[in-house]
Amino acid sequence: MKLSVRADNRLDDMPMAPVACRNCGAQVLARKASWNQTSVQWNAEASALCAERQDAERLAGHHRRPFLACSALRESIEAAVAVGDLAIVDGR
């Protein structure tokens, strides 16, 4: 039996949009599926600019842990939603 892979079309209706952190200027791609779910795509330049990310990586040392959140970027994303620069897919 051959399994087929279903295409991921979640970004078709609302793609990720650029959002710049108001603290450090790091620009990421973000998408708000709901008030509780945010997807963030980092690139190398944004990772290098984010002080919270750099601190987390330094503190992790050899124990590589995933970076979960930057409070300054989270506030910048919330501000982008508030002014209409970033829409919420499930706008309820």
PDB file of N, CA and C in Angstrom:
ATOM      1  N   MET A   1       0.845  -1.181   0.000  1.00  0.00           N
ATOM      2  CA  MET A   1       0.000   0.000   0.000  1.00  0.00           C
ATOM      3  C   MET A   1       0.886   1.239   0.000  1.00  0.00           C
ATOM      4  N   LYS A   2       0.631   2.114  -0.917  1.00  0.00           N
ATOM      5  CA  LYS A   2       1.406   3.335  -1.031  1.00  0.00           C
ATOM      6  C   LYS A   2       0.645   4.488  -0.369  1.00  0.00           C
ATOM      7  N   LEU A   3       1.334   5.161   0.546  1.00  0.00           N
ATOM      8  CA  LEU A   3       0.718   6.303   1.222  1.00  0.00           C
ATOM      9  C   LEU A   3       0.968   7.559   0.419  1.00  0.00           C
ATOM     10  N   SER A   4      -0.042   8.370   0.311  1.00  0.00           N
ATOM     11  CA  SER A   4       0.146   9.641  -0.385  1.00  0.00           C
ATOM     12  C   SER A   4       0.366  10.748   0.647  1.00  0.00           C
ATOM     13  N   VAL A   5       1.071  11.745   0.239  1.00  0.00           N
ATOM     14  CA  VAL A   5       1.349  12.882   1.103  1.00  0.00           C
ATOM     15  C   VAL A   5       0.390  13.998   0.726  1.00  0.00           C
ATOM     16  N   ARG A   6      -0.361  14.431   1.706  1.00  0.00           N
ATOM     17  CA  ARG A   6      -1.312  15.510   1.469  1.00  0.00           C
ATOM     18  C   ARG A   6      -0.574  16.842   1.407  1.00  0.00           C
ATOM     19  N   ALA A   7      -0.891  17.636   0.435  1.00  0.00           N
ATOM     20  CA  ALA A   7      -0.266  18.956   0.298  1.00  0.00           C
ATOM     21  C   ALA A   7      -0.687  19.852   1.455  1.00  0.00           C
ATOM     22  N   ASP A   8       0.259  20.611   1.993  1.00  0.00           N
ATOM     23  CA  ASP A   8      -0.031  21.555   3.072  1.00  0.00           C
ATOM     24  C   ASP A   8      -0.416  22.881   2.425  1.00  0.00           C
ATOM     25  N   ASN A   9      -1.691  23.183   2.434  1.00  0.00           N
ATOM     26  CA  ASN A   9      -2.177  24.397   1.779  1.00  0.00           C
ATOM     27  C   ASN A   9      -2.628  25.469   2.769  1.00  0.00           C
ATOM     28  N   ARG A  10      -2.177  25.363   4.022  1.00  0.00           N
ATOM     29  CA  ARG A  10      -2.596  26.353   5.023  1.00  0.00           C
ATOM     30  C   ARG A  10      -2.135  27.760   4.679  1.00  0.00           C
ATOM     31  N   LEU A  11      -1.015  27.885   3.989  1.00  0.00           N
ATOM     32  CA  LEU A  11      -0.505  29.214   3.673  1.00  0.00           C
ATOM     33  C   LEU A  11      -1.126  29.802   2.417  1.00  0.00           C
ATOM     34  N   ASP A  12      -1.936  29.008   1.695  1.00  0.00           N
ATOM     35  CA  ASP A  12      -2.551  29.507   0.467  1.00  0.00           C
ATOM     36  C   ASP A  12      -3.523  30.645   0.742  1.00  0.00           C
ATOM     37  N   ASP A  13      -4.342  30.499   1.797  1.00  0.00           N
ATOM     38  CA  ASP A  13      -5.345  31.521   2.089  1.00  0.00           C
ATOM     39  C   ASP A  13      -4.757  32.751   2.756  1.00  0.00           C
ATOM     40  N   MET A  14      -3.701  32.587   3.516  1.00  0.00           N
ATOM     41  CA  MET A  14      -3.056  33.727   4.159  1.00  0.00           C
ATOM     42  C   MET A  14      -1.584  33.387   4.392  1.00  0.00           C
ATOM     43  N   PRO A  15      -0.708  33.860   3.502  1.00  0.00           N
ATOM     44  CA  PRO A  15       0.720  33.547   3.650  1.00  0.00           C
ATOM     45  C   PRO A  15       1.339  34.298   4.827  1.00  0.00           C
ATOM     46  N   MET A  16       2.538  33.892   5.172  1.00  0.00           N
ATOM     47  CA  MET A  16       3.286  34.574   6.221  1.00  0.00           C
ATOM     48  C   MET A  16       3.634  35.983   5.736  1.00  0.00           C
ATOM     49  N   ALA A  17       3.720  36.920   6.677  1.00  0.00           N
ATOM     50  CA  ALA A  17       3.996  38.314   6.347  1.00  0.00           C
ATOM     51  C   ALA A  17       5.195  38.802   7.155  1.00  0.00           C
ATOM     52  N   PRO A  18       5.971  39.741   6.612  1.00  0.00           N
ATOM     53  CA  PRO A  18       7.115  40.252   7.359  1.00  0.00           C
ATOM     54  C   PRO A  18       6.677  41.110   8.545  1.00  0.00           C
ATOM     55  N   VAL A  19       7.347  40.903   9.673  1.00  0.00           N
ATOM     56  CA  VAL A  19       7.134  41.701  10.879  1.00  0.00           C
ATOM     57  C   VAL A  19       8.510  42.008  11.441  1.00  0.00           C
ATOM     58  N   ALA A  20       8.753  43.277  11.744  1.00  0.00           N
ATOM     59  CA  ALA A  20      10.033  43.690  12.323  1.00  0.00           C
ATOM     60  C   ALA A  20       9.858  43.917  13.820  1.00  0.00           C
ATOM     61  N   CYS A  21      10.798  43.427  14.585  1.00  0.00           N
ATOM     62  CA  CYS A  21      10.797  43.637  16.033  1.00  0.00           C
ATOM     63  C   CYS A  21      11.052  45.114  16.311  1.00  0.00           C
ATOM     64  N   ARG A  22      10.219  45.703  17.138  1.00  0.00           N
ATOM     65  CA  ARG A  22      10.382  47.123  17.468  1.00  0.00           C
ATOM     66  C   ARG A  22      11.529  47.355  18.432  1.00  0.00           C
ATOM     67  N   ASN A  23      12.094  46.280  18.968  1.00  0.00           N
ATOM     68  CA  ASN A  23      13.211  46.408  19.902  1.00  0.00           C
ATOM     69  C   ASN A  23      14.556  46.330  19.186  1.00  0.00           C
ATOM     70  N   CYS A  24      14.774  45.264  18.421  1.00  0.00           N
ATOM     71  CA  CYS A  24      16.097  45.056  17.804  1.00  0.00           C
ATOM     72  C   CYS A  24      16.105  45.207  16.291  1.00  0.00           C
ATOM     73  N   GLY A  25      14.930  45.264  15.676  1.00  0.00           N
ATOM     74  CA  GLY A  25      14.849  45.416  14.229  1.00  0.00           C
ATOM     75  C   GLY A  25      14.888  44.115  13.451  1.00  0.00           C
ATOM     76  N   ALA A  26      14.989  42.978  14.132  1.00  0.00           N
ATOM     77  CA  ALA A  26      14.996  41.688  13.434  1.00  0.00           C
ATOM     78  C   ALA A  26      13.694  41.529  12.668  1.00  0.00           C
ATOM     79  N   GLN A  27      13.803  41.182  11.398  1.00  0.00           N
ATOM     80  CA  GLN A  27      12.601  40.983  10.587  1.00  0.00           C
ATOM     81  C   GLN A  27      12.395  39.497  10.341  1.00  0.00           C
ATOM     82  N   VAL A  28      11.226  39.004  10.730  1.00  0.00           N
ATOM     83  CA  VAL A  28      10.859  37.606  10.569  1.00  0.00           C
ATOM     84  C   VAL A  28       9.607  37.532   9.709  1.00  0.00           C
ATOM     85  N   LEU A  29       9.244  36.329   9.321  1.00  0.00           N
ATOM     86  CA  LEU A  29       7.949  36.106   8.684  1.00  0.00           C
ATOM     87  C   LEU A  29       7.027  35.535   9.753  1.00  0.00           C
ATOM     88  N   ALA A  30       5.812  36.059   9.825  1.00  0.00           N
ATOM     89  CA  ALA A  30       4.880  35.624  10.858  1.00  0.00           C
ATOM     90  C   ALA A  30       3.504  35.380  10.261  1.00  0.00           C
ATOM     91  N   ARG A  31       2.763  34.519  10.938  1.00  0.00           N
ATOM     92  CA  ARG A  31       1.380  34.231  10.549  1.00  0.00           C
ATOM     93  C   ARG A  31       0.611  33.933  11.826  1.00  0.00           C
ATOM     94  N   LYS A  32      -0.522  34.577  11.985  1.00  0.00           N
ATOM     95  CA  LYS A  32      -1.386  34.347  13.140  1.00  0.00           C
ATOM     96  C   LYS A  32      -2.569  33.506  12.681  1.00  0.00           C
ATOM     97  N   ALA A  33      -2.594  32.234  13.069  1.00  0.00           N
ATOM     98  CA  ALA A  33      -3.719  31.377  12.732  1.00  0.00           C
ATOM     99  C   ALA A  33      -4.910  31.683  13.644  1.00  0.00           C
ATOM    100  N   SER A  34      -4.607  32.086  14.872  1.00  0.00           N
ATOM    101  CA  SER A  34      -5.635  32.453  15.851  1.00  0.00           C
ATOM    102  C   SER A  34      -4.952  33.341  16.883  1.00  0.00           C
ATOM    103  N   TRP A  35      -5.711  33.800  17.862  1.00  0.00           N
ATOM    104  CA  TRP A  35      -5.100  34.607  18.924  1.00  0.00           C
ATOM    105  C   TRP A  35      -4.062  33.807  19.683  1.00  0.00           C
ATOM    106  N   ASN A  36      -4.253  32.492  19.765  1.00  0.00           N
ATOM    107  CA  ASN A  36      -3.369  31.644  20.565  1.00  0.00           C
ATOM    108  C   ASN A  36      -2.272  30.969  19.761  1.00  0.00           C
ATOM    109  N   GLN A  37      -2.292  31.054  18.433  1.00  0.00           N
ATOM    110  CA  GLN A  37      -1.305  30.336  17.632  1.00  0.00           C
ATOM    111  C   GLN A  37      -0.621  31.289  16.662  1.00  0.00           C
ATOM    112  N   THR A  38       0.693  31.393  16.803  1.00  0.00           N
ATOM    113  CA  THR A  38       1.508  32.229  15.939  1.00  0.00           C
ATOM    114  C   THR A  38       2.645  31.395  15.383  1.00  0.00           C
ATOM    115  N   SER A  39       2.849  31.472  14.083  1.00  0.00           N
ATOM    116  CA  SER A  39       3.991  30.816  13.449  1.00  0.00           C
ATOM    117  C   SER A  39       5.004  31.890  13.097  1.00  0.00           C
ATOM    118  N   VAL A  40       6.270  31.627  13.410  1.00  0.00           N
ATOM    119  CA  VAL A  40       7.342  32.579  13.118  1.00  0.00           C
ATOM    120  C   VAL A  40       8.446  31.846  12.388  1.00  0.00           C
ATOM    121  N   GLN A  41       8.877  32.422  11.281  1.00  0.00           N
ATOM    122  CA  GLN A  41       9.983  31.860  10.519  1.00  0.00           C
ATOM    123  C   GLN A  41      11.172  32.817  10.622  1.00  0.00           C
ATOM    124  N   TRP A  42      12.242  32.326  11.246  1.00  0.00           N
ATOM    125  CA  TRP A  42      13.450  33.113  11.437  1.00  0.00           C
ATOM    126  C   TRP A  42      14.406  32.872  10.279  1.00  0.00           C
ATOM    127  N   ASN A  43      15.211  33.890   9.963  1.00  0.00           N
ATOM    128  CA  ASN A  43      16.331  33.694   9.040  1.00  0.00           C
ATOM    129  C   ASN A  43      17.615  34.000   9.821  1.00  0.00           C
ATOM    130  N   ALA A  44      18.754  33.794   9.187  1.00  0.00           N
ATOM    131  CA  ALA A  44      20.032  33.970   9.882  1.00  0.00           C
ATOM    132  C   ALA A  44      20.225  35.406  10.362  1.00  0.00           C
ATOM    133  N   GLU A  45      19.837  36.377   9.545  1.00  0.00           N
ATOM    134  CA  GLU A  45      20.025  37.789   9.930  1.00  0.00           C
ATOM    135  C   GLU A  45      19.179  38.134  11.157  1.00  0.00           C
ATOM    136  N   ALA A  46      17.921  37.720  11.156  1.00  0.00           N
ATOM    137  CA  ALA A  46      17.047  37.998  12.299  1.00  0.00           C
ATOM    138  C   ALA A  46      17.561  37.304  13.550  1.00  0.00           C
ATOM    139  N   SER A  47      18.021  36.064  13.406  1.00  0.00           N
ATOM    140  CA  SER A  47      18.557  35.323  14.553  1.00  0.00           C
ATOM    141  C   SER A  47      19.755  36.035  15.161  1.00  0.00           C
ATOM    142  N   ALA A  48      20.591  36.618  14.312  1.00  0.00           N
ATOM    143  CA  ALA A  48      21.782  37.309  14.795  1.00  0.00           C
ATOM    144  C   ALA A  48      21.441  38.631  15.484  1.00  0.00           C
ATOM    145  N   LEU A  49      20.339  39.266  15.093  1.00  0.00           N
ATOM    146  CA  LEU A  49      19.954  40.552  15.675  1.00  0.00           C
ATOM    147  C   LEU A  49      19.225  40.425  17.014  1.00  0.00           C
ATOM    148  N   CYS A  50      18.551  39.314  17.240  1.00  0.00           N
ATOM    149  CA  CYS A  50      17.688  39.155  18.420  1.00  0.00           C
ATOM    150  C   CYS A  50      18.517  38.889  19.677  1.00  0.00           C
ATOM    151  N   ALA A  51      18.511  39.837  20.595  1.00  0.00           N
ATOM    152  CA  ALA A  51      19.280  39.699  21.838  1.00  0.00           C
ATOM    153  C   ALA A  51      18.736  38.562  22.700  1.00  0.00           C
ATOM    154  N   GLU A  52      17.417  38.401  22.778  1.00  0.00           N
ATOM    155  CA  GLU A  52      16.841  37.329  23.583  1.00  0.00           C
ATOM    156  C   GLU A  52      17.226  35.964  23.025  1.00  0.00           C
ATOM    157  N   ARG A  53      17.247  35.854  21.720  1.00  0.00           N
ATOM    158  CA  ARG A  53      17.632  34.577  21.094  1.00  0.00           C
ATOM    159  C   ARG A  53      19.104  34.283  21.355  1.00  0.00           C
ATOM    160  N   GLN A  54      19.944  35.304  21.226  1.00  0.00           N
ATOM    161  CA  GLN A  54      21.376  35.126  21.480  1.00  0.00           C
ATOM    162  C   GLN A  54      21.631  34.725  22.933  1.00  0.00           C
ATOM    163  N   ASP A  55      20.918  35.361  23.865  1.00  0.00           N
ATOM    164  CA  ASP A  55      21.064  35.015  25.284  1.00  0.00           C
ATOM    165  C   ASP A  55      20.642  33.569  25.541  1.00  0.00           C
ATOM    166  N   ALA A  56      19.532  33.151  24.935  1.00  0.00           N
ATOM    167  CA  ALA A  56      19.044  31.783  25.135  1.00  0.00           C
ATOM    168  C   ALA A  56      20.052  30.768  24.603  1.00  0.00           C
ATOM    169  N   GLU A  57      20.632  31.052  23.450  1.00  0.00           N
ATOM    170  CA  GLU A  57      21.610  30.132  22.873  1.00  0.00           C
ATOM    171  C   GLU A  57      22.884  30.093  23.710  1.00  0.00           C
ATOM    172  N   ARG A  58      23.296  31.245  24.229  1.00  0.00           N
ATOM    173  CA  ARG A  58      24.486  31.297  25.069  1.00  0.00           C
ATOM    174  C   ARG A  58      24.268  30.517  26.358  1.00  0.00           C
ATOM    175  N   LEU A  59      23.098  30.673  26.964  1.00  0.00           N
ATOM    176  CA  LEU A  59      22.792  29.973  28.205  1.00  0.00           C
ATOM    177  C   LEU A  59      22.638  28.468  27.993  1.00  0.00           C
ATOM    178  N   ALA A  60      22.163  28.071  26.828  1.00  0.00           N
ATOM    179  CA  ALA A  60      21.982  26.640  26.545  1.00  0.00           C
ATOM    180  C   ALA A  60      23.321  25.939  26.384  1.00  0.00           C
ATOM    181  N   GLY A  61      24.337  26.677  25.944  1.00  0.00           N
ATOM    182  CA  GLY A  61      25.660  26.085  25.777  1.00  0.00           C
ATOM    183  C   GLY A  61      25.634  24.917  24.816  1.00  0.00           C
ATOM    184  N   HIS A  62      26.165  23.798  25.266  1.00  0.00           N
ATOM    185  CA  HIS A  62      26.224  22.607  24.421  1.00  0.00           C
ATOM    186  C   HIS A  62      24.889  21.871  24.354  1.00  0.00           C
ATOM    187  N   HIS A  63      23.973  22.227  25.218  1.00  0.00           N
ATOM    188  CA  HIS A  63      22.666  21.573  25.255  1.00  0.00           C
ATOM    189  C   HIS A  63      21.716  22.349  24.347  1.00  0.00           C
ATOM    190  N   ARG A  64      21.780  22.076  23.059  1.00  0.00           N
ATOM    191  CA  ARG A  64      20.968  22.808  22.079  1.00  0.00           C
ATOM    192  C   ARG A  64      19.491  22.578  22.353  1.00  0.00           C
ATOM    193  N   ARG A  65      18.818  23.634  22.698  1.00  0.00           N
ATOM    194  CA  ARG A  65      17.386  23.588  22.946  1.00  0.00           C
ATOM    195  C   ARG A  65      16.709  24.504  21.936  1.00  0.00           C
ATOM    196  N   PRO A  66      15.494  24.166  21.544  1.00  0.00           N
ATOM    197  CA  PRO A  66      14.808  25.044  20.605  1.00  0.00           C
ATOM    198  C   PRO A  66      14.480  26.393  21.257  1.00  0.00           C
ATOM    199  N   PHE A  67      14.621  27.456  20.496  1.00  0.00           N
ATOM    200  CA  PHE A  67      14.267  28.787  20.983  1.00  0.00           C
ATOM    201  C   PHE A  67      12.766  28.943  20.805  1.00  0.00           C
ATOM    202  N   LEU A  68      12.050  29.169  21.899  1.00  0.00           N
ATOM    203  CA  LEU A  68      10.594  29.172  21.835  1.00  0.00           C
ATOM    204  C   LEU A  68       9.979  30.545  21.611  1.00  0.00           C
ATOM    205  N   ALA A  69      10.530  31.583  22.187  1.00  0.00           N
ATOM    206  CA  ALA A  69       9.861  32.868  22.062  1.00  0.00           C
ATOM    207  C   ALA A  69      10.768  34.026  22.453  1.00  0.00           C
ATOM    208  N   CYS A  70      10.516  35.145  21.839  1.00  0.00           N
ATOM    209  CA  CYS A  70      11.150  36.415  22.188  1.00  0.00           C
ATOM    210  C   CYS A  70      10.025  37.350  22.616  1.00  0.00           C
ATOM    211  N   SER A  71      10.082  37.851  23.826  1.00  0.00           N
ATOM    212  CA  SER A  71       8.987  38.693  24.323  1.00  0.00           C
ATOM    213  C   SER A  71       8.856  39.984  23.523  1.00  0.00           C
ATOM    214  N   ALA A  72       9.966  40.571  23.102  1.00  0.00           N
ATOM    215  CA  ALA A  72       9.908  41.813  22.321  1.00  0.00           C
ATOM    216  C   ALA A  72       9.284  41.557  20.952  1.00  0.00           C
ATOM    217  N   LEU A  73       9.618  40.437  20.327  1.00  0.00           N
ATOM    218  CA  LEU A  73       9.025  40.110  19.029  1.00  0.00           C
ATOM    219  C   LEU A  73       7.546  39.797  19.193  1.00  0.00           C
ATOM    220  N   ARG A  74       7.190  39.081  20.248  1.00  0.00           N
ATOM    221  CA  ARG A  74       5.773  38.786  20.495  1.00  0.00           C
ATOM    222  C   ARG A  74       4.978  40.081  20.610  1.00  0.00           C
ATOM    223  N   GLU A  75       5.508  41.064  21.338  1.00  0.00           N
ATOM    224  CA  GLU A  75       4.824  42.360  21.466  1.00  0.00           C
ATOM    225  C   GLU A  75       4.741  43.069  20.119  1.00  0.00           C
ATOM    226  N   SER A  76       5.778  42.953  19.293  1.00  0.00           N
ATOM    227  CA  SER A  76       5.770  43.573  17.965  1.00  0.00           C
ATOM    228  C   SER A  76       4.727  42.920  17.068  1.00  0.00           C
ATOM    229  N   ILE A  77       4.580  41.603  17.170  1.00  0.00           N
ATOM    230  CA  ILE A  77       3.555  40.898  16.383  1.00  0.00           C
ATOM    231  C   ILE A  77       2.166  41.318  16.850  1.00  0.00           C
ATOM    232  N   GLU A  78       1.966  41.408  18.144  1.00  0.00           N
ATOM    233  CA  GLU A  78       0.672  41.859  18.673  1.00  0.00           C
ATOM    234  C   GLU A  78       0.358  43.283  18.218  1.00  0.00           C
ATOM    235  N   ALA A  79       1.365  44.142  18.176  1.00  0.00           N
ATOM    236  CA  ALA A  79       1.171  45.513  17.698  1.00  0.00           C
ATOM    237  C   ALA A  79       0.826  45.516  16.214  1.00  0.00           C
ATOM    238  N   ALA A  80       1.463  44.640  15.429  1.00  0.00           N
ATOM    239  CA  ALA A  80       1.153  44.545  14.000  1.00  0.00           C
ATOM    240  C   ALA A  80      -0.291  44.107  13.783  1.00  0.00           C
ATOM    241  N   VAL A  81      -0.775  43.205  14.631  1.00  0.00           N
ATOM    242  CA  VAL A  81      -2.178  42.785  14.551  1.00  0.00           C
ATOM    243  C   VAL A  81      -3.085  43.958  14.913  1.00  0.00           C
ATOM    244  N   ALA A  82      -2.739  44.693  15.953  1.00  0.00           N
ATOM    245  CA  ALA A  82      -3.576  45.800  16.435  1.00  0.00           C
ATOM    246  C   ALA A  82      -3.763  46.891  15.388  1.00  0.00           C
ATOM    247  N   VAL A  83      -2.723  47.154  14.586  1.00  0.00           N
ATOM    248  CA  VAL A  83      -2.831  48.211  13.580  1.00  0.00           C
ATOM    249  C   VAL A  83      -3.248  47.681  12.214  1.00  0.00           C
ATOM    250  N   GLY A  84      -3.462  46.369  12.107  1.00  0.00           N
ATOM    251  CA  GLY A  84      -3.935  45.793  10.854  1.00  0.00           C
ATOM    252  C   GLY A  84      -2.853  45.390   9.867  1.00  0.00           C
ATOM    253  N   ASP A  85      -1.594  45.415  10.296  1.00  0.00           N
ATOM    254  CA  ASP A  85      -0.511  44.999   9.398  1.00  0.00           C
ATOM    255  C   ASP A  85      -0.388  43.482   9.309  1.00  0.00           C
ATOM    256  N   LEU A  86      -0.926  42.775  10.287  1.00  0.00           N
ATOM    257  CA  LEU A  86      -0.909  41.311  10.304  1.00  0.00           C
ATOM    258  C   LEU A  86      -2.316  40.841  10.693  1.00  0.00           C
ATOM    259  N   ALA A  87      -2.919  40.086   9.795  1.00  0.00           N
ATOM    260  CA  ALA A  87      -4.289  39.602  10.039  1.00  0.00           C
ATOM    261  C   ALA A  87      -4.260  38.276  10.786  1.00  0.00           C
ATOM    262  N   ILE A  88      -5.362  37.975  11.439  1.00  0.00           N
ATOM    263  CA  ILE A  88      -5.531  36.684  12.094  1.00  0.00           C
ATOM    264  C   ILE A  88      -6.448  35.850  11.203  1.00  0.00           C
ATOM    265  N   VAL A  89      -5.987  34.662  10.840  1.00  0.00           N
ATOM    266  CA  VAL A  89      -6.768  33.802   9.946  1.00  0.00           C
ATOM    267  C   VAL A  89      -8.138  33.522  10.541  1.00  0.00           C
ATOM    268  N   ASP A  90      -8.161  33.084  11.791  1.00  0.00           N
ATOM    269  CA  ASP A  90      -9.421  32.820  12.496  1.00  0.00           C
ATOM    270  C   ASP A  90      -9.715  34.065  13.328  1.00  0.00           C
ATOM    271  N   GLY A  91     -10.278  35.082  12.714  1.00  0.00           N
ATOM    272  CA  GLY A  91     -10.445  36.394  13.336  1.00  0.00           C
ATOM    273  C   GLY A  91     -11.514  36.496  14.391  1.00  0.00           C
ATOM    274  N   ARG A  92     -11.942  35.386  14.949  1.00  0.00           N
ATOM    275  CA  ARG A  92     -12.979  35.450  15.999  1.00  0.00           C
ATOM    276  C   ARG A  92     -12.422  35.978  17.285  1.00  0.00           C
TER     277      ARG A  92
END
